[in-house]
Amino acid sequence: MAEVVAQLEKQVESQKKELEYARLKIRVLEERLRLQRISKYGPGSEKLSSLQLELLEQEPGVSSQEVAAESERESPAPASEAKKKRKHPGRQTLAADLPRVERIIACAPEQCVCGNC
C-alpha cells in the first residue's frame, strides 16, 4: 500500500511540474504574440493595449497596408481651424454719382401705427 501511495505522489509531482511548465510556456507565447501584434499594428507613438491589439487581429477586412496607411494619415483639423471666420465687411457704400430718388409710400389706414398717415 505504501508503494502505491509513493507512486501516486510521484505522479502528482510530475503532473504539477508539467502544469507549471505549460503555464510558463503559455505566458511566453502570449508575450511573443503581443509583441508581434505591436510591431504589426502599432506605430511607436501609439500605446495599444493587448485587448485593442486582439480586436485589430480579429478584424476581417483590415490588411496591414490599410493599417499602415491609417496610422500615417494626418488627423483631420478641428472645425474651428478648418473654417477661419472672416470679419464680414458689411454693406458697402454706393457710389456718390448714382441718382437718388426718394419716394414715400403711404401704408393702408389699417396698417398705420404712427398715426401720421
PDB file of N, CA and C in Angstrom:
ATOM      1  N   MET A   1       0.822  -1.179   0.000  1.00  0.00           N
ATOM      2  CA  MET A   1       0.000   0.000   0.000  1.00  0.00           C
ATOM      3  C   MET A   1       0.877   1.259   0.000  1.00  0.00           C
ATOM      4  N   ALA A   2       1.929   1.278   0.765  1.00  0.00           N
ATOM      5  CA  ALA A   2       2.826   2.426   0.843  1.00  0.00           C
ATOM      6  C   ALA A   2       3.485   2.664  -0.507  1.00  0.00           C
ATOM      7  N   GLU A   3       3.711   1.574  -1.232  1.00  0.00           N
ATOM      8  CA  GLU A   3       4.304   1.692  -2.564  1.00  0.00           C
ATOM      9  C   GLU A   3       3.377   2.427  -3.530  1.00  0.00           C
ATOM     10  N   VAL A   4       2.099   2.124  -3.449  1.00  0.00           N
ATOM     11  CA  VAL A   4       1.097   2.747  -4.320  1.00  0.00           C
ATOM     12  C   VAL A   4       0.987   4.234  -3.996  1.00  0.00           C
ATOM     13  N   VAL A   5       1.006   4.574  -2.714  1.00  0.00           N
ATOM     14  CA  VAL A   5       0.917   5.973  -2.292  1.00  0.00           C
ATOM     15  C   VAL A   5       2.147   6.739  -2.778  1.00  0.00           C
ATOM     16  N   ALA A   6       3.319   6.144  -2.666  1.00  0.00           N
ATOM     17  CA  ALA A   6       4.545   6.807  -3.114  1.00  0.00           C
ATOM     18  C   ALA A   6       4.526   7.013  -4.622  1.00  0.00           C
ATOM     19  N   GLN A   7       4.013   6.014  -5.336  1.00  0.00           N
ATOM     20  CA  GLN A   7       3.928   6.125  -6.805  1.00  0.00           C
ATOM     21  C   GLN A   7       2.938   7.226  -7.199  1.00  0.00           C
ATOM     22  N   LEU A   8       1.818   7.306  -6.494  1.00  0.00           N
ATOM     23  CA  LEU A   8       0.827   8.357  -6.780  1.00  0.00           C
ATOM     24  C   LEU A   8       1.387   9.742  -6.463  1.00  0.00           C
ATOM     25  N   GLU A   9       2.154   9.866  -5.394  1.00  0.00           N
ATOM     26  CA  GLU A   9       2.759  11.154  -5.047  1.00  0.00           C
ATOM     27  C   GLU A   9       3.766  11.584  -6.108  1.00  0.00           C
ATOM     28  N   LYS A  10       4.541  10.641  -6.642  1.00  0.00           N
ATOM     29  CA  LYS A  10       5.483  10.946  -7.717  1.00  0.00           C
ATOM     30  C   LYS A  10       4.741  11.398  -8.967  1.00  0.00           C
ATOM     31  N   GLN A  11       3.634  10.723  -9.235  1.00  0.00           N
ATOM     32  CA  GLN A  11       2.834  11.075 -10.421  1.00  0.00           C
ATOM     33  C   GLN A  11       2.238  12.477 -10.254  1.00  0.00           C
ATOM     34  N   VAL A  12       1.766  12.789  -9.053  1.00  0.00           N
ATOM     35  CA  VAL A  12       1.197  14.109  -8.785  1.00  0.00           C
ATOM     36  C   VAL A  12       2.280  15.175  -8.932  1.00  0.00           C
ATOM     37  N   GLU A  13       3.469  14.905  -8.405  1.00  0.00           N
ATOM     38  CA  GLU A  13       4.573  15.868  -8.517  1.00  0.00           C
ATOM     39  C   GLU A  13       4.960  16.100  -9.977  1.00  0.00           C
ATOM     40  N   SER A  14       5.029  15.042 -10.752  1.00  0.00           N
ATOM     41  CA  SER A  14       5.392  15.210 -12.167  1.00  0.00           C
ATOM     42  C   SER A  14       4.322  15.983 -12.920  1.00  0.00           C
ATOM     43  N   GLN A  15       3.055  15.755 -12.603  1.00  0.00           N
ATOM     44  CA  GLN A  15       1.976  16.491 -13.262  1.00  0.00           C
ATOM     45  C   GLN A  15       1.976  17.964 -12.841  1.00  0.00           C
ATOM     46  N   LYS A  16       2.337  18.252 -11.576  1.00  0.00           N
ATOM     47  CA  LYS A  16       2.453  19.640 -11.133  1.00  0.00           C
ATOM     48  C   LYS A  16       3.556  20.354 -11.899  1.00  0.00           C
ATOM     49  N   LYS A  17       4.695  19.647 -12.103  1.00  0.00           N
ATOM     50  CA  LYS A  17       5.796  20.240 -12.852  1.00  0.00           C
ATOM     51  C   LYS A  17       5.395  20.483 -14.309  1.00  0.00           C
ATOM     52  N   GLU A  18       4.687  19.540 -14.907  1.00  0.00           N
ATOM     53  CA  GLU A  18       4.211  19.699 -16.293  1.00  0.00           C
ATOM     54  C   GLU A  18       3.250  20.872 -16.398  1.00  0.00           C
ATOM     55  N   LEU A  19       2.358  20.983 -15.409  1.00  0.00           N
ATOM     56  CA  LEU A  19       1.392  22.084 -15.408  1.00  0.00           C
ATOM     57  C   LEU A  19       2.093  23.428 -15.284  1.00  0.00           C
ATOM     58  N   GLU A  20       3.064  23.525 -14.398  1.00  0.00           N
ATOM     59  CA  GLU A  20       3.804  24.776 -14.228  1.00  0.00           C
ATOM     60  C   GLU A  20       4.574  25.118 -15.496  1.00  0.00           C
ATOM     61  N   TYR A  21       5.183  24.106 -16.130  1.00  0.00           N
ATOM     62  CA  TYR A  21       5.895  24.333 -17.391  1.00  0.00           C
ATOM     63  C   TYR A  21       4.931  24.805 -18.486  1.00  0.00           C
ATOM     64  N   ALA A  22       3.743  24.202 -18.548  1.00  0.00           N
ATOM     65  CA  ALA A  22       2.755  24.592 -19.557  1.00  0.00           C
ATOM     66  C   ALA A  22       2.299  26.036 -19.338  1.00  0.00           C
ATOM     67  N   ARG A  23       2.074  26.416 -18.080  1.00  0.00           N
ATOM     68  CA  ARG A  23       1.662  27.797 -17.778  1.00  0.00           C
ATOM     69  C   ARG A  23       2.747  28.787 -18.168  1.00  0.00           C
ATOM     70  N   LEU A  24       3.993  28.447 -17.868  1.00  0.00           N
ATOM     71  CA  LEU A  24       5.105  29.319 -18.218  1.00  0.00           C
ATOM     72  C   LEU A  24       5.242  29.447 -19.738  1.00  0.00           C
ATOM     73  N   LYS A  25       5.076  28.350 -20.435  1.00  0.00           N
ATOM     74  CA  LYS A  25       5.164  28.365 -21.898  1.00  0.00           C
ATOM     75  C   LYS A  25       4.034  29.202 -22.510  1.00  0.00           C
ATOM     76  N   ILE A  26       2.841  29.076 -21.967  1.00  0.00           N
ATOM     77  CA  ILE A  26       1.708  29.882 -22.444  1.00  0.00           C
ATOM     78  C   ILE A  26       1.984  31.362 -22.240  1.00  0.00           C
ATOM     79  N   ARG A  27       2.528  31.722 -21.079  1.00  0.00           N
ATOM     80  CA  ARG A  27       2.846  33.118 -20.798  1.00  0.00           C
ATOM     81  C   ARG A  27       3.872  33.660 -21.792  1.00  0.00           C
ATOM     82  N   VAL A  28       4.891  32.862 -22.091  1.00  0.00           N
ATOM     83  CA  VAL A  28       5.925  33.285 -23.045  1.00  0.00           C
ATOM     84  C   VAL A  28       5.326  33.455 -24.437  1.00  0.00           C
ATOM     85  N   LEU A  29       4.482  32.520 -24.855  1.00  0.00           N
ATOM     86  CA  LEU A  29       3.866  32.609 -26.183  1.00  0.00           C
ATOM     87  C   LEU A  29       2.908  33.796 -26.288  1.00  0.00           C
ATOM     88  N   GLU A  30       2.162  34.069 -25.209  1.00  0.00           N
ATOM     89  CA  GLU A  30       1.277  35.234 -25.228  1.00  0.00           C
ATOM     90  C   GLU A  30       2.074  36.526 -25.352  1.00  0.00           C
ATOM     91  N   GLU A  31       3.205  36.602 -24.676  1.00  0.00           N
ATOM     92  CA  GLU A  31       4.043  37.797 -24.761  1.00  0.00           C
ATOM     93  C   GLU A  31       4.618  37.953 -26.168  1.00  0.00           C
ATOM     94  N   ARG A  32       5.045  36.846 -26.778  1.00  0.00           N
ATOM     95  CA  ARG A  32       5.536  36.912 -28.160  1.00  0.00           C
ATOM     96  C   ARG A  32       4.444  37.396 -29.106  1.00  0.00           C
ATOM     97  N   LEU A  33       3.230  36.866 -28.903  1.00  0.00           N
ATOM     98  CA  LEU A  33       2.110  37.277 -29.750  1.00  0.00           C
ATOM     99  C   LEU A  33       1.803  38.758 -29.563  1.00  0.00           C
ATOM    100  N   ARG A  34       1.858  39.232 -28.316  1.00  0.00           N
ATOM    101  CA  ARG A  34       1.603  40.646 -28.041  1.00  0.00           C
ATOM    102  C   ARG A  34       2.639  41.525 -28.734  1.00  0.00           C
ATOM    103  N   LEU A  35       3.906  41.139 -28.636  1.00  0.00           N
ATOM    104  CA  LEU A  35       4.966  41.922 -29.283  1.00  0.00           C
ATOM    105  C   LEU A  35       4.836  41.896 -30.804  1.00  0.00           C
ATOM    106  N   GLN A  36       4.431  40.758 -31.348  1.00  0.00           N
ATOM    107  CA  GLN A  36       4.232  40.666 -32.801  1.00  0.00           C
ATOM    108  C   GLN A  36       3.090  41.577 -33.243  1.00  0.00           C
ATOM    109  N   ARG A  37       2.011  41.609 -32.480  1.00  0.00           N
ATOM    110  CA  ARG A  37       0.880  42.486 -32.816  1.00  0.00           C
ATOM    111  C   ARG A  37       1.282  43.956 -32.722  1.00  0.00           C
ATOM    112  N   ILE A  38       2.089  44.300 -31.738  1.00  0.00           N
ATOM    113  CA  ILE A  38       2.542  45.684 -31.611  1.00  0.00           C
ATOM    114  C   ILE A  38       3.385  46.066 -32.815  1.00  0.00           C
ATOM    115  N   SER A  39       4.270  45.176 -33.229  1.00  0.00           N
ATOM    116  CA  SER A  39       5.110  45.506 -34.389  1.00  0.00           C
ATOM    117  C   SER A  39       4.291  45.572 -35.665  1.00  0.00           C
ATOM    118  N   LYS A  40       3.220  44.818 -35.740  1.00  0.00           N
ATOM    119  CA  LYS A  40       2.394  44.801 -36.956  1.00  0.00           C
ATOM    120  C   LYS A  40       1.431  45.980 -37.008  1.00  0.00           C
ATOM    121  N   TYR A  41       0.767  46.271 -35.899  1.00  0.00           N
ATOM    122  CA  TYR A  41      -0.307  47.271 -35.918  1.00  0.00           C
ATOM    123  C   TYR A  41       0.043  48.601 -35.263  1.00  0.00           C
ATOM    124  N   GLY A  42       0.881  48.614 -34.286  1.00  0.00           N
ATOM    125  CA  GLY A  42       1.041  49.836 -33.507  1.00  0.00           C
ATOM    126  C   GLY A  42       2.297  50.602 -33.848  1.00  0.00           C
ATOM    127  N   PRO A  43       2.163  51.835 -34.372  1.00  0.00           N
ATOM    128  CA  PRO A  43       3.350  52.661 -34.544  1.00  0.00           C
ATOM    129  C   PRO A  43       3.928  53.011 -33.175  1.00  0.00           C
ATOM    130  N   GLY A  44       5.162  53.435 -33.170  1.00  0.00           N
ATOM    131  CA  GLY A  44       5.859  53.677 -31.919  1.00  0.00           C
ATOM    132  C   GLY A  44       5.222  54.717 -31.033  1.00  0.00           C
ATOM    133  N   SER A  45       4.525  55.662 -31.619  1.00  0.00           N
ATOM    134  CA  SER A  45       3.954  56.737 -30.806  1.00  0.00           C
ATOM    135  C   SER A  45       2.666  56.314 -30.117  1.00  0.00           C
ATOM    136  N   GLU A  46       2.004  55.294 -30.623  1.00  0.00           N
ATOM    137  CA  GLU A  46       0.741  54.875 -30.032  1.00  0.00           C
ATOM    138  C   GLU A  46       0.985  53.794 -28.997  1.00  0.00           C
ATOM    139  N   LYS A  47       0.204  53.821 -27.970  1.00  0.00           N
ATOM    140  CA  LYS A  47       0.272  52.793 -26.942  1.00  0.00           C
ATOM    141  C   LYS A  47      -1.037  52.012 -27.000  1.00  0.00           C
ATOM    142  N   LEU A  48      -0.986  50.805 -27.557  1.00  0.00           N
ATOM    143  CA  LEU A  48      -2.173  49.970 -27.671  1.00  0.00           C
ATOM    144  C   LEU A  48      -2.125  48.878 -26.618  1.00  0.00           C
ATOM    145  N   SER A  49      -3.265  48.634 -25.981  1.00  0.00           N
ATOM    146  CA  SER A  49      -3.321  47.557 -25.004  1.00  0.00           C
ATOM    147  C   SER A  49      -3.466  46.231 -25.730  1.00  0.00           C
ATOM    148  N   SER A  50      -3.303  45.160 -24.992  1.00  0.00           N
ATOM    149  CA  SER A  50      -3.406  43.826 -25.578  1.00  0.00           C
ATOM    150  C   SER A  50      -4.800  43.587 -26.131  1.00  0.00           C
ATOM    151  N   LEU A  51      -5.820  44.095 -25.435  1.00  0.00           N
ATOM    152  CA  LEU A  51      -7.189  43.895 -25.903  1.00  0.00           C
ATOM    153  C   LEU A  51      -7.435  44.625 -27.220  1.00  0.00           C
ATOM    154  N   GLN A  52      -6.884  45.829 -27.360  1.00  0.00           N
ATOM    155  CA  GLN A  52      -7.034  46.563 -28.611  1.00  0.00           C
ATOM    156  C   GLN A  52      -6.333  45.835 -29.750  1.00  0.00           C
ATOM    157  N   LEU A  53      -5.171  45.280 -29.473  1.00  0.00           N
ATOM    158  CA  LEU A  53      -4.445  44.545 -30.498  1.00  0.00           C
ATOM    159  C   LEU A  53      -5.201  43.283 -30.910  1.00  0.00           C
ATOM    160  N   GLU A  54      -5.847  42.625 -29.948  1.00  0.00           N
ATOM    161  CA  GLU A  54      -6.641  41.447 -30.286  1.00  0.00           C
ATOM    162  C   GLU A  54      -7.796  41.827 -31.194  1.00  0.00           C
ATOM    163  N   LEU A  55      -8.413  42.979 -30.943  1.00  0.00           N
ATOM    164  CA  LEU A  55      -9.507  43.424 -31.805  1.00  0.00           C
ATOM    165  C   LEU A  55      -9.008  43.673 -33.222  1.00  0.00           C
ATOM    166  N   LEU A  56      -7.847  44.268 -33.358  1.00  0.00           N
ATOM    167  CA  LEU A  56      -7.288  44.509 -34.688  1.00  0.00           C
ATOM    168  C   LEU A  56      -6.969  43.195 -35.400  1.00  0.00           C
ATOM    169  N   GLU A  57      -6.507  42.237 -34.646  1.00  0.00           N
ATOM    170  CA  GLU A  57      -6.159  40.941 -35.229  1.00  0.00           C
ATOM    171  C   GLU A  57      -7.405  40.229 -35.745  1.00  0.00           C
ATOM    172  N   GLN A  58      -8.516  40.401 -35.047  1.00  0.00           N
ATOM    173  CA  GLN A  58      -9.744  39.709 -35.408  1.00  0.00           C
ATOM    174  C   GLN A  58     -10.531  40.429 -36.491  1.00  0.00           C
ATOM    175  N   GLU A  59     -10.186  41.655 -36.813  1.00  0.00           N
ATOM    176  CA  GLU A  59     -10.893  42.432 -37.831  1.00  0.00           C
ATOM    177  C   GLU A  59     -10.712  41.759 -39.195  1.00  0.00           C
ATOM    178  N   PRO A  60     -11.815  41.337 -39.842  1.00  0.00           N
ATOM    179  CA  PRO A  60     -11.674  40.561 -41.070  1.00  0.00           C
ATOM    180  C   PRO A  60     -11.227  41.361 -42.277  1.00  0.00           C
ATOM    181  N   GLY A  61     -11.651  42.607 -42.409  1.00  0.00           N
ATOM    182  CA  GLY A  61     -11.387  43.346 -43.632  1.00  0.00           C
ATOM    183  C   GLY A  61     -10.210  44.297 -43.563  1.00  0.00           C
ATOM    184  N   VAL A  62      -9.350  44.166 -42.577  1.00  0.00           N
ATOM    185  CA  VAL A  62      -8.254  45.109 -42.419  1.00  0.00           C
ATOM    186  C   VAL A  62      -6.946  44.427 -42.805  1.00  0.00           C
ATOM    187  N   SER A  63      -6.272  44.995 -43.785  1.00  0.00           N
ATOM    188  CA  SER A  63      -4.974  44.455 -44.169  1.00  0.00           C
ATOM    189  C   SER A  63      -3.882  45.298 -43.514  1.00  0.00           C
ATOM    190  N   SER A  64      -2.673  44.783 -43.538  1.00  0.00           N
ATOM    191  CA  SER A  64      -1.577  45.512 -42.903  1.00  0.00           C
ATOM    192  C   SER A  64      -1.286  46.815 -43.643  1.00  0.00           C
ATOM    193  N   GLN A  65      -1.527  46.836 -44.970  1.00  0.00           N
ATOM    194  CA  GLN A  65      -1.320  48.075 -45.725  1.00  0.00           C
ATOM    195  C   GLN A  65      -2.328  49.137 -45.292  1.00  0.00           C
ATOM    196  N   GLU A  66      -3.583  48.719 -45.047  1.00  0.00           N
ATOM    197  CA  GLU A  66      -4.598  49.680 -44.612  1.00  0.00           C
ATOM    198  C   GLU A  66      -4.264  50.243 -43.238  1.00  0.00           C
ATOM    199  N   VAL A  67      -3.793  49.377 -42.347  1.00  0.00           N
ATOM    200  CA  VAL A  67      -3.432  49.840 -41.006  1.00  0.00           C
ATOM    201  C   VAL A  67      -2.269  50.810 -41.083  1.00  0.00           C
ATOM    202  N   ALA A  68      -1.276  50.498 -41.934  1.00  0.00           N
ATOM    203  CA  ALA A  68      -0.125  51.392 -42.071  1.00  0.00           C
ATOM    204  C   ALA A  68      -0.548  52.731 -42.663  1.00  0.00           C
ATOM    205  N   ALA A  69      -1.431  52.694 -43.679  1.00  0.00           N
ATOM    206  CA  ALA A  69      -1.903  53.935 -44.294  1.00  0.00           C
ATOM    207  C   ALA A  69      -2.702  54.764 -43.295  1.00  0.00           C
ATOM    208  N   GLU A  70      -3.509  54.099 -42.478  1.00  0.00           N
ATOM    209  CA  GLU A  70      -4.320  54.811 -41.493  1.00  0.00           C
ATOM    210  C   GLU A  70      -3.443  55.448 -40.423  1.00  0.00           C
ATOM    211  N   SER A  71      -2.374  54.770 -40.037  1.00  0.00           N
ATOM    212  CA  SER A  71      -1.514  55.334 -38.999  1.00  0.00           C
ATOM    213  C   SER A  71      -0.687  56.497 -39.527  1.00  0.00           C
ATOM    214  N   GLU A  72      -0.401  56.525 -40.841  1.00  0.00           N
ATOM    215  CA  GLU A  72       0.378  57.623 -41.414  1.00  0.00           C
ATOM    216  C   GLU A  72      -0.487  58.829 -41.767  1.00  0.00           C
ATOM    217  N   ARG A  73      -1.791  58.602 -41.913  1.00  0.00           N
ATOM    218  CA  ARG A  73      -2.692  59.673 -42.295  1.00  0.00           C
ATOM    219  C   ARG A  73      -2.785  60.693 -41.168  1.00  0.00           C
ATOM    220  N   GLU A  74      -2.822  61.949 -41.556  1.00  0.00           N
ATOM    221  CA  GLU A  74      -2.935  63.013 -40.554  1.00  0.00           C
ATOM    222  C   GLU A  74      -4.364  63.060 -40.043  1.00  0.00           C
ATOM    223  N   SER A  75      -4.507  63.396 -38.790  1.00  0.00           N
ATOM    224  CA  SER A  75      -5.844  63.533 -38.249  1.00  0.00           C
ATOM    225  C   SER A  75      -6.470  64.796 -38.811  1.00  0.00           C
ATOM    226  N   PRO A  76      -7.784  64.771 -39.039  1.00  0.00           N
ATOM    227  CA  PRO A  76      -8.429  65.955 -39.601  1.00  0.00           C
ATOM    228  C   PRO A  76      -8.347  67.127 -38.632  1.00  0.00           C
ATOM    229  N   ALA A  77      -8.216  68.307 -39.203  1.00  0.00           N
ATOM    230  CA  ALA A  77      -8.116  69.512 -38.379  1.00  0.00           C
ATOM    231  C   ALA A  77      -9.456  69.768 -37.708  1.00  0.00           C
ATOM    232  N   PRO A  78      -9.449  70.303 -36.521  1.00  0.00           N
ATOM    233  CA  PRO A  78     -10.716  70.639 -35.864  1.00  0.00           C
ATOM    234  C   PRO A  78     -11.502  71.646 -36.696  1.00  0.00           C
ATOM    235  N   ALA A  79     -12.804  71.659 -36.507  1.00  0.00           N
ATOM    236  CA  ALA A  79     -13.678  72.508 -37.316  1.00  0.00           C
ATOM    237  C   ALA A  79     -13.325  73.985 -37.163  1.00  0.00           C
ATOM    238  N   SER A  80     -12.873  74.380 -35.990  1.00  0.00           N
ATOM    239  CA  SER A  80     -12.565  75.794 -35.786  1.00  0.00           C
ATOM    240  C   SER A  80     -11.351  76.217 -36.609  1.00  0.00           C
ATOM    241  N   GLU A  81     -10.389  75.326 -36.784  1.00  0.00           N
ATOM    242  CA  GLU A  81      -9.216  75.670 -37.580  1.00  0.00           C
ATOM    243  C   GLU A  81      -9.510  75.556 -39.072  1.00  0.00           C
ATOM    244  N   ALA A  82     -10.334  74.591 -39.444  1.00  0.00           N
ATOM    245  CA  ALA A  82     -10.622  74.373 -40.858  1.00  0.00           C
ATOM    246  C   ALA A  82     -11.395  75.563 -41.433  1.00  0.00           C
ATOM    247  N   LYS A  83     -12.299  76.115 -40.649  1.00  0.00           N
ATOM    248  CA  LYS A  83     -13.105  77.240 -41.113  1.00  0.00           C
ATOM    249  C   LYS A  83     -12.676  78.472 -40.353  1.00  0.00           C
ATOM    250  N   LYS A  84     -11.844  79.260 -40.952  1.00  0.00           N
ATOM    251  CA  LYS A  84     -11.462  80.508 -40.299  1.00  0.00           C
ATOM    252  C   LYS A  84     -12.523  81.543 -40.642  1.00  0.00           C
ATOM    253  N   LYS A  85     -13.098  82.098 -39.606  1.00  0.00           N
ATOM    254  CA  LYS A  85     -14.154  83.087 -39.828  1.00  0.00           C
ATOM    255  C   LYS A  85     -13.522  84.430 -40.161  1.00  0.00           C
ATOM    256  N   ARG A  86     -13.975  84.970 -41.251  1.00  0.00           N
ATOM    257  CA  ARG A  86     -13.519  86.297 -41.633  1.00  0.00           C
ATOM    258  C   ARG A  86     -14.536  87.322 -41.146  1.00  0.00           C
ATOM    259  N   LYS A  87     -14.042  88.477 -40.849  1.00  0.00           N
ATOM    260  CA  LYS A  87     -14.940  89.534 -40.434  1.00  0.00           C
ATOM    261  C   LYS A  87     -15.743  89.970 -41.651  1.00  0.00           C
ATOM    262  N   HIS A  88     -17.044  89.989 -41.490  1.00  0.00           N
ATOM    263  CA  HIS A  88     -17.908  90.378 -42.597  1.00  0.00           C
ATOM    264  C   HIS A  88     -17.702  91.860 -42.897  1.00  0.00           C
ATOM    265  N   PRO A  89     -17.483  92.193 -44.159  1.00  0.00           N
ATOM    266  CA  PRO A  89     -17.195  93.587 -44.478  1.00  0.00           C
ATOM    267  C   PRO A  89     -18.398  94.508 -44.307  1.00  0.00           C
ATOM    268  N   GLY A  90     -19.584  93.969 -44.198  1.00  0.00           N
ATOM    269  CA  GLY A  90     -20.776  94.810 -44.067  1.00  0.00           C
ATOM    270  C   GLY A  90     -21.236  95.300 -45.439  1.00  0.00           C
ATOM    271  N   ARG A  91     -22.220  96.119 -45.428  1.00  0.00           N
ATOM    272  CA  ARG A  91     -22.740  96.649 -46.669  1.00  0.00           C
ATOM    273  C   ARG A  91     -21.824  97.756 -47.158  1.00  0.00           C
ATOM    274  N   GLN A  92     -21.446  97.665 -48.411  1.00  0.00           N
ATOM    275  CA  GLN A  92     -20.560  98.680 -48.974  1.00  0.00           C
ATOM    276  C   GLN A  92     -21.377  99.910 -49.372  1.00  0.00           C
ATOM    277  N   THR A  93     -20.748 101.048 -49.316  1.00  0.00           N
ATOM    278  CA  THR A  93     -21.447 102.290 -49.679  1.00  0.00           C
ATOM    279  C   THR A  93     -21.600 102.370 -51.189  1.00  0.00           C
ATOM    280  N   LEU A  94     -22.685 102.961 -51.599  1.00  0.00           N
ATOM    281  CA  LEU A  94     -22.928 103.142 -53.030  1.00  0.00           C
ATOM    282  C   LEU A  94     -22.142 104.347 -53.527  1.00  0.00           C
ATOM    283  N   ALA A  95     -21.863 104.339 -54.798  1.00  0.00           N
ATOM    284  CA  ALA A  95     -21.115 105.447 -55.398  1.00  0.00           C
ATOM    285  C   ALA A  95     -21.912 106.742 -55.270  1.00  0.00           C
ATOM    286  N   ALA A  96     -21.213 107.841 -55.071  1.00  0.00           N
ATOM    287  CA  ALA A  96     -21.860 109.140 -54.849  1.00  0.00           C
ATOM    288  C   ALA A  96     -22.537 109.668 -56.111  1.00  0.00           C
ATOM    289  N   ASP A  97     -22.077 109.263 -57.297  1.00  0.00           N
ATOM    290  CA  ASP A  97     -22.646 109.818 -58.531  1.00  0.00           C
ATOM    291  C   ASP A  97     -23.908 109.086 -58.975  1.00  0.00           C
ATOM    292  N   LEU A  98     -24.364 108.078 -58.251  1.00  0.00           N
ATOM    293  CA  LEU A  98     -25.609 107.397 -58.623  1.00  0.00           C
ATOM    294  C   LEU A  98     -26.797 108.298 -58.292  1.00  0.00           C
ATOM    295  N   PRO A  99     -27.822 108.310 -59.163  1.00  0.00           N
ATOM    296  CA  PRO A  99     -29.003 109.143 -58.875  1.00  0.00           C
ATOM    297  C   PRO A  99     -29.792 108.571 -57.700  1.00  0.00           C
ATOM    298  N   ARG A 100     -30.286 109.481 -56.859  1.00  0.00           N
ATOM    299  CA  ARG A 100     -31.066 109.054 -55.709  1.00  0.00           C
ATOM    300  C   ARG A 100     -32.468 109.604 -55.852  1.00  0.00           C
ATOM    301  N   VAL A 101     -33.441 108.730 -55.638  1.00  0.00           N
ATOM    302  CA  VAL A 101     -34.849 109.123 -55.752  1.00  0.00           C
ATOM    303  C   VAL A 101     -35.528 108.750 -54.447  1.00  0.00           C
ATOM    304  N   GLU A 102     -36.158 109.736 -53.808  1.00  0.00           N
ATOM    305  CA  GLU A 102     -36.886 109.474 -52.581  1.00  0.00           C
ATOM    306  C   GLU A 102     -38.354 109.319 -52.913  1.00  0.00           C
ATOM    307  N   ARG A 103     -38.933 108.241 -52.446  1.00  0.00           N
ATOM    308  CA  ARG A 103     -40.368 108.010 -52.646  1.00  0.00           C
ATOM    309  C   ARG A 103     -40.971 107.663 -51.293  1.00  0.00           C
ATOM    310  N   ILE A 104     -42.041 108.281 -50.977  1.00  0.00           N
ATOM    311  CA  ILE A 104     -42.751 107.983 -49.749  1.00  0.00           C
ATOM    312  C   ILE A 104     -43.966 107.165 -50.139  1.00  0.00           C
ATOM    313  N   ILE A 105     -44.013 105.972 -49.614  1.00  0.00           N
ATOM    314  CA  ILE A 105     -45.129 105.078 -49.938  1.00  0.00           C
ATOM    315  C   ILE A 105     -46.000 105.025 -48.704  1.00  0.00           C
ATOM    316  N   ALA A 106     -47.239 105.479 -48.886  1.00  0.00           N
ATOM    317  CA  ALA A 106     -48.178 105.510 -47.764  1.00  0.00           C
ATOM    318  C   ALA A 106     -48.703 104.105 -47.529  1.00  0.00           C
ATOM    319  N   CYS A 107     -48.894 103.813 -46.255  1.00  0.00           N
ATOM    320  CA  CYS A 107     -49.431 102.499 -45.925  1.00  0.00           C
ATOM    321  C   CYS A 107     -50.949 102.583 -45.854  1.00  0.00           C
ATOM    322  N   ALA A 108     -51.579 101.441 -45.842  1.00  0.00           N
ATOM    323  CA  ALA A 108     -53.039 101.400 -45.734  1.00  0.00           C
ATOM    324  C   ALA A 108     -53.434 101.872 -44.340  1.00  0.00           C
ATOM    325  N   PRO A 109     -54.603 102.521 -44.215  1.00  0.00           N
ATOM    326  CA  PRO A 109     -55.018 103.049 -42.901  1.00  0.00           C
ATOM    327  C   PRO A 109     -55.068 101.988 -41.808  1.00  0.00           C
ATOM    328  N   GLU A 110     -55.412 100.752 -42.130  1.00  0.00           N
ATOM    329  CA  GLU A 110     -55.487  99.707 -41.095  1.00  0.00           C
ATOM    330  C   GLU A 110     -54.096  99.219 -40.670  1.00  0.00           C
ATOM    331  N   GLN A 111     -53.057  99.522 -41.485  1.00  0.00           N
ATOM    332  CA  GLN A 111     -51.701  99.119 -41.129  1.00  0.00           C
ATOM    333  C   GLN A 111     -50.942 100.243 -40.425  1.00  0.00           C
ATOM    334  N   CYS A 112     -51.460 101.405 -40.364  1.00  0.00           N
ATOM    335  CA  CYS A 112     -50.757 102.561 -39.803  1.00  0.00           C
ATOM    336  C   CYS A 112     -50.606 102.399 -38.285  1.00  0.00           C
ATOM    337  N   VAL A 113     -49.390 102.587 -37.822  1.00  0.00           N
ATOM    338  CA  VAL A 113     -49.106 102.505 -36.394  1.00  0.00           C
ATOM    339  C   VAL A 113     -48.623 103.858 -35.856  1.00  0.00           C
ATOM    340  N   CYS A 114     -48.235 104.771 -36.761  1.00  0.00           N
ATOM    341  CA  CYS A 114     -47.669 106.037 -36.307  1.00  0.00           C
ATOM    342  C   CYS A 114     -48.772 107.105 -36.099  1.00  0.00           C
ATOM    343  N   GLY A 115     -49.875 107.000 -36.781  1.00  0.00           N
ATOM    344  CA  GLY A 115     -50.963 107.972 -36.658  1.00  0.00           C
ATOM    345  C   GLY A 115     -50.764 109.196 -37.539  1.00  0.00           C
ATOM    346  N   ASN A 116     -49.709 109.293 -38.343  1.00  0.00           N
ATOM    347  CA  ASN A 116     -49.460 110.436 -39.212  1.00  0.00           C
ATOM    348  C   ASN A 116     -49.920 110.187 -40.642  1.00  0.00           C
ATOM    349  N   CYS A 117     -50.260 108.984 -40.964  1.00  0.00           N
ATOM    350  CA  CYS A 117     -50.634 108.672 -42.336  1.00  0.00           C
ATOM    351  C   CYS A 117     -52.049 109.133 -42.651  1.00  0.00           C
TER     352      CYS A 117
END
